[in-house]
Amino acid sequence: MLRRQGALAEVQSIVALPSGYHRDLQLTKGPTMRGLDEALATSRLLPRLVEGLAFDRERMARAITPECFATDRAVELAVEGVPFREAYRKVASEIAALPAGDAAASLRARVSLGAPGNLALDDLARRLDRHAR
C-alpha cells in the first residue's frame, strides 16, 4: 500500500509542476507503472478473499434503514417534475420520516451499465478475455 501511495504522490507532484513543458509528463511513466504493478499484485489476492466470504443476510437486511432510500425518493420526486436539487433538499429535510423501502426493488431500478442492477459482468469478462490474448 505504501508503494502505491508513494507512486501516486510522485505522479501528483510531477503533474503539479508549473512548467508548461509537455515532456515533464514523461516522468509519470515510472511511478505509474510501479503503481499498476502493485495494484495488479494486490488484485491477485481477491479470488481467495472472495471465496472465504460469508454473508449474514438477516443482519444485512436489518442494516438497510429508511435513509438508505433517500436517493430513490429524490429520483421519484424528480420524475414527478420537481427539480432534482429541490427534491434532494426536500428529502434531506424529511429524512427522519422516510418510509422503509424495498432494497431488491431499489437495486433492480439501477439500470445504468455498471450499477448494482446491471453489473454487466459477462460483458466485462468478454472484454478482459479479448485483451488477455
C-alpha atoms as a PDB file:
ATOM      1  CA  MET A   1       0.000   0.000   0.000  1.00  0.00           C
ATOM      2  CA  LEU A   2       2.794   2.407   0.836  1.00  0.00           C
ATOM      3  CA  ARG A   3       4.384   1.790  -2.565  1.00  0.00           C
ATOM      4  CA  ARG A   4       1.123   2.673  -4.326  1.00  0.00           C
ATOM      5  CA  GLN A   5       0.727   5.793  -2.217  1.00  0.00           C
ATOM      6  CA  GLY A   6       4.314   6.777  -2.935  1.00  0.00           C
ATOM      7  CA  ALA A   7       3.811   6.299  -6.677  1.00  0.00           C
ATOM      8  CA  LEU A   8       0.619   8.380  -6.550  1.00  0.00           C
ATOM      9  CA  ALA A   9       2.354  11.171  -4.628  1.00  0.00           C
ATOM     10  CA  GLU A  10       5.176  11.146  -7.162  1.00  0.00           C
ATOM     11  CA  VAL A  11       2.783  11.426 -10.110  1.00  0.00           C
ATOM     12  CA  GLN A  12       0.806  14.181  -8.396  1.00  0.00           C
ATOM     13  CA  SER A  13       3.934  16.206  -7.695  1.00  0.00           C
ATOM     14  CA  ILE A  14       5.072  15.887 -11.319  1.00  0.00           C
ATOM     15  CA  VAL A  15       1.678  16.849 -12.719  1.00  0.00           C
ATOM     16  CA  ALA A  16       1.528  19.852 -10.363  1.00  0.00           C
ATOM     17  CA  LEU A  17       4.702  21.359 -11.835  1.00  0.00           C
ATOM     18  CA  PRO A  18       4.173  24.926 -13.036  1.00  0.00           C
ATOM     19  CA  SER A  19       6.080  24.235 -16.229  1.00  0.00           C
ATOM     20  CA  GLY A  20       4.228  24.130 -19.495  1.00  0.00           C
ATOM     21  CA  TYR A  21       6.841  21.803 -20.924  1.00  0.00           C
ATOM     22  CA  HIS A  22       4.949  18.767 -22.223  1.00  0.00           C
ATOM     23  CA  ARG A  23       7.845  16.342 -21.687  1.00  0.00           C
ATOM     24  CA  ASP A  24       7.511  16.729 -17.908  1.00  0.00           C
ATOM     25  CA  LEU A  25       4.731  14.140 -18.120  1.00  0.00           C
ATOM     26  CA  GLN A  26       7.257  11.535 -19.315  1.00  0.00           C
ATOM     27  CA  LEU A  27       8.380  11.389 -15.710  1.00  0.00           C
ATOM     28  CA  THR A  28       4.990   9.981 -14.710  1.00  0.00           C
ATOM     29  CA  LYS A  29       5.621   6.704 -16.545  1.00  0.00           C
ATOM     30  CA  GLY A  30       7.861   5.125 -13.890  1.00  0.00           C
ATOM     31  CA  PRO A  31       5.619   5.746 -10.866  1.00  0.00           C
ATOM     32  CA  THR A  32       2.516   4.895 -12.886  1.00  0.00           C
ATOM     33  CA  MET A  33       3.962   1.520 -13.897  1.00  0.00           C
ATOM     34  CA  ARG A  34       5.115   0.824 -10.322  1.00  0.00           C
ATOM     35  CA  GLY A  35       1.659   1.672  -9.020  1.00  0.00           C
ATOM     36  CA  LEU A  36      -0.014  -0.541 -11.627  1.00  0.00           C
ATOM     37  CA  ASP A  37       2.302  -3.451 -10.835  1.00  0.00           C
ATOM     38  CA  GLU A  38       1.475  -3.144  -7.161  1.00  0.00           C
ATOM     39  CA  ALA A  39      -2.272  -2.882  -7.849  1.00  0.00           C
ATOM     40  CA  LEU A  40      -2.176  -5.981 -10.076  1.00  0.00           C
ATOM     41  CA  ALA A  41      -0.266  -7.944  -7.431  1.00  0.00           C
ATOM     42  CA  THR A  42      -2.851  -6.942  -4.855  1.00  0.00           C
ATOM     43  CA  SER A  43      -5.773  -7.854  -7.133  1.00  0.00           C
ATOM     44  CA  ARG A  44      -4.438 -11.408  -7.411  1.00  0.00           C
ATOM     45  CA  LEU A  45      -5.425 -11.856  -3.774  1.00  0.00           C
ATOM     46  CA  LEU A  46      -9.085 -11.096  -4.472  1.00  0.00           C
ATOM     47  CA  PRO A  47     -10.222 -14.585  -5.572  1.00  0.00           C
ATOM     48  CA  ARG A  48      -9.025 -16.112  -2.287  1.00  0.00           C
ATOM     49  CA  LEU A  49     -10.638 -13.303  -0.334  1.00  0.00           C
ATOM     50  CA  VAL A  50     -13.984 -13.631  -2.106  1.00  0.00           C
ATOM     51  CA  GLU A  51     -14.026 -17.419  -1.742  1.00  0.00           C
ATOM     52  CA  GLY A  52     -13.784 -17.020   2.012  1.00  0.00           C
ATOM     53  CA  LEU A  53     -16.606 -14.511   2.354  1.00  0.00           C
ATOM     54  CA  ALA A  54     -19.821 -15.432   4.135  1.00  0.00           C
ATOM     55  CA  PHE A  55     -22.824 -13.133   4.338  1.00  0.00           C
ATOM     56  CA  ASP A  56     -25.295 -12.871   7.195  1.00  0.00           C
ATOM     57  CA  ARG A  57     -28.289 -11.915   5.053  1.00  0.00           C
ATOM     58  CA  GLU A  58     -30.594 -11.252   8.005  1.00  0.00           C
ATOM     59  CA  ARG A  59     -28.115  -8.866   9.565  1.00  0.00           C
ATOM     60  CA  MET A  60     -27.555  -7.202   6.202  1.00  0.00           C
ATOM     61  CA  ALA A  61     -31.322  -6.709   5.760  1.00  0.00           C
ATOM     62  CA  ARG A  62     -31.588  -5.167   9.238  1.00  0.00           C
ATOM     63  CA  ALA A  63     -28.821  -2.705   8.339  1.00  0.00           C
ATOM     64  CA  ILE A  64     -30.895  -1.276   5.478  1.00  0.00           C
ATOM     65  CA  THR A  65     -32.600   1.646   7.153  1.00  0.00           C
ATOM     66  CA  PRO A  66     -35.102   4.085   5.609  1.00  0.00           C
ATOM     67  CA  GLU A  67     -32.482   6.770   4.930  1.00  0.00           C
ATOM     68  CA  CYS A  68     -30.811   4.321   2.552  1.00  0.00           C
ATOM     69  CA  PHE A  69     -33.701   5.079   0.195  1.00  0.00           C
ATOM     70  CA  ALA A  70     -33.288   8.870   0.202  1.00  0.00           C
ATOM     71  CA  THR A  71     -31.907   8.926  -3.337  1.00  0.00           C
ATOM     72  CA  ASP A  72     -34.783   6.735  -4.548  1.00  0.00           C
ATOM     73  CA  ARG A  73     -37.268   9.224  -3.092  1.00  0.00           C
ATOM     74  CA  ALA A  74     -35.443  12.204  -4.621  1.00  0.00           C
ATOM     75  CA  VAL A  75     -35.484  10.499  -8.018  1.00  0.00           C
ATOM     76  CA  GLU A  76     -39.224   9.788  -7.650  1.00  0.00           C
ATOM     77  CA  LEU A  77     -39.862  13.472  -6.968  1.00  0.00           C
ATOM     78  CA  ALA A  78     -37.705  14.464  -9.942  1.00  0.00           C
ATOM     79  CA  VAL A  79     -39.669  12.118 -12.212  1.00  0.00           C
ATOM     80  CA  GLU A  80     -42.825  13.878 -10.966  1.00  0.00           C
ATOM     81  CA  GLY A  81     -41.333  17.168 -12.202  1.00  0.00           C
ATOM     82  CA  VAL A  82     -39.637  18.527  -9.080  1.00  0.00           C
ATOM     83  CA  PRO A  83     -36.168  19.873  -9.950  1.00  0.00           C
ATOM     84  CA  PHE A  84     -33.648  17.405  -8.552  1.00  0.00           C
ATOM     85  CA  ARG A  85     -31.872  19.984  -6.386  1.00  0.00           C
ATOM     86  CA  GLU A  86     -35.194  20.905  -4.776  1.00  0.00           C
ATOM     87  CA  ALA A  87     -36.177  17.230  -4.443  1.00  0.00           C
ATOM     88  CA  TYR A  88     -32.850  16.497  -2.780  1.00  0.00           C
ATOM     89  CA  ARG A  89     -33.357  19.302  -0.258  1.00  0.00           C
ATOM     90  CA  LYS A  90     -36.943  18.212   0.423  1.00  0.00           C
ATOM     91  CA  VAL A  91     -35.881  14.632   1.102  1.00  0.00           C
ATOM     92  CA  ALA A  92     -32.997  15.826   3.300  1.00  0.00           C
ATOM     93  CA  SER A  93     -35.409  17.854   5.429  1.00  0.00           C
ATOM     94  CA  GLU A  94     -37.773  14.875   5.778  1.00  0.00           C
ATOM     95  CA  ILE A  95     -35.190  12.121   6.154  1.00  0.00           C
ATOM     96  CA  ALA A  96     -36.369  11.091   9.620  1.00  0.00           C
ATOM     97  CA  ALA A  97     -39.864  10.413   8.226  1.00  0.00           C
ATOM     98  CA  LEU A  98     -38.828   8.370   5.194  1.00  0.00           C
ATOM     99  CA  PRO A  99     -40.617   5.033   4.999  1.00  0.00           C
ATOM    100  CA  ALA A 100     -38.647   1.820   4.653  1.00  0.00           C
ATOM    101  CA  GLY A 101     -38.178   0.798   1.046  1.00  0.00           C
ATOM    102  CA  ASP A 102     -37.669  -2.434  -0.828  1.00  0.00           C
ATOM    103  CA  ALA A 103     -33.921  -2.963  -1.231  1.00  0.00           C
ATOM    104  CA  ALA A 104     -34.306  -5.550  -4.010  1.00  0.00           C
ATOM    105  CA  ALA A 105     -36.598  -3.234  -5.997  1.00  0.00           C
ATOM    106  CA  SER A 106     -34.192  -0.353  -5.442  1.00  0.00           C
ATOM    107  CA  LEU A 107     -31.328  -2.396  -6.877  1.00  0.00           C
ATOM    108  CA  ARG A 108     -33.409  -3.576  -9.840  1.00  0.00           C
ATOM    109  CA  ALA A 109     -34.178   0.067 -10.658  1.00  0.00           C
ATOM    110  CA  ARG A 110     -30.460   0.736 -11.182  1.00  0.00           C
ATOM    111  CA  VAL A 111     -30.201   0.062 -14.884  1.00  0.00           C
ATOM    112  CA  SER A 112     -27.127   2.083 -15.774  1.00  0.00           C
ATOM    113  CA  LEU A 113     -24.255  -0.052 -17.025  1.00  0.00           C
ATOM    114  CA  GLY A 114     -22.131  -0.943 -14.044  1.00  0.00           C
ATOM    115  CA  ALA A 115     -24.819  -0.102 -11.490  1.00  0.00           C
ATOM    116  CA  PRO A 116     -25.810  -2.784  -8.946  1.00  0.00           C
ATOM    117  CA  GLY A 117     -28.819  -3.795 -11.032  1.00  0.00           C
ATOM    118  CA  ASN A 118     -26.772  -4.071 -14.217  1.00  0.00           C
ATOM    119  CA  LEU A 119     -23.190  -5.026 -13.437  1.00  0.00           C
ATOM    120  CA  ALA A 120     -22.666  -6.471 -16.945  1.00  0.00           C
ATOM    121  CA  LEU A 121     -20.055  -8.885 -15.597  1.00  0.00           C
ATOM    122  CA  ASP A 122     -20.414 -11.167 -18.638  1.00  0.00           C
ATOM    123  CA  ASP A 123     -19.569  -8.261 -20.917  1.00  0.00           C
ATOM    124  CA  LEU A 124     -16.644  -7.306 -18.721  1.00  0.00           C
ATOM    125  CA  ALA A 125     -15.336 -10.901 -18.746  1.00  0.00           C
ATOM    126  CA  ARG A 126     -15.532 -10.989 -22.570  1.00  0.00           C
ATOM    127  CA  ARG A 127     -13.650  -7.700 -22.818  1.00  0.00           C
ATOM    128  CA  LEU A 128     -10.958  -8.896 -20.426  1.00  0.00           C
ATOM    129  CA  ASP A 129     -10.594 -12.190 -22.313  1.00  0.00           C
ATOM    130  CA  ARG A 130     -10.245 -10.310 -25.589  1.00  0.00           C
ATOM    131  CA  HIS A 131      -7.460  -8.125 -24.182  1.00  0.00           C
ATOM    132  CA  ALA A 132      -5.688 -11.012 -22.470  1.00  0.00           C
ATOM    133  CA  ARG A 133      -4.882 -12.622 -25.813  1.00  0.00           C
END
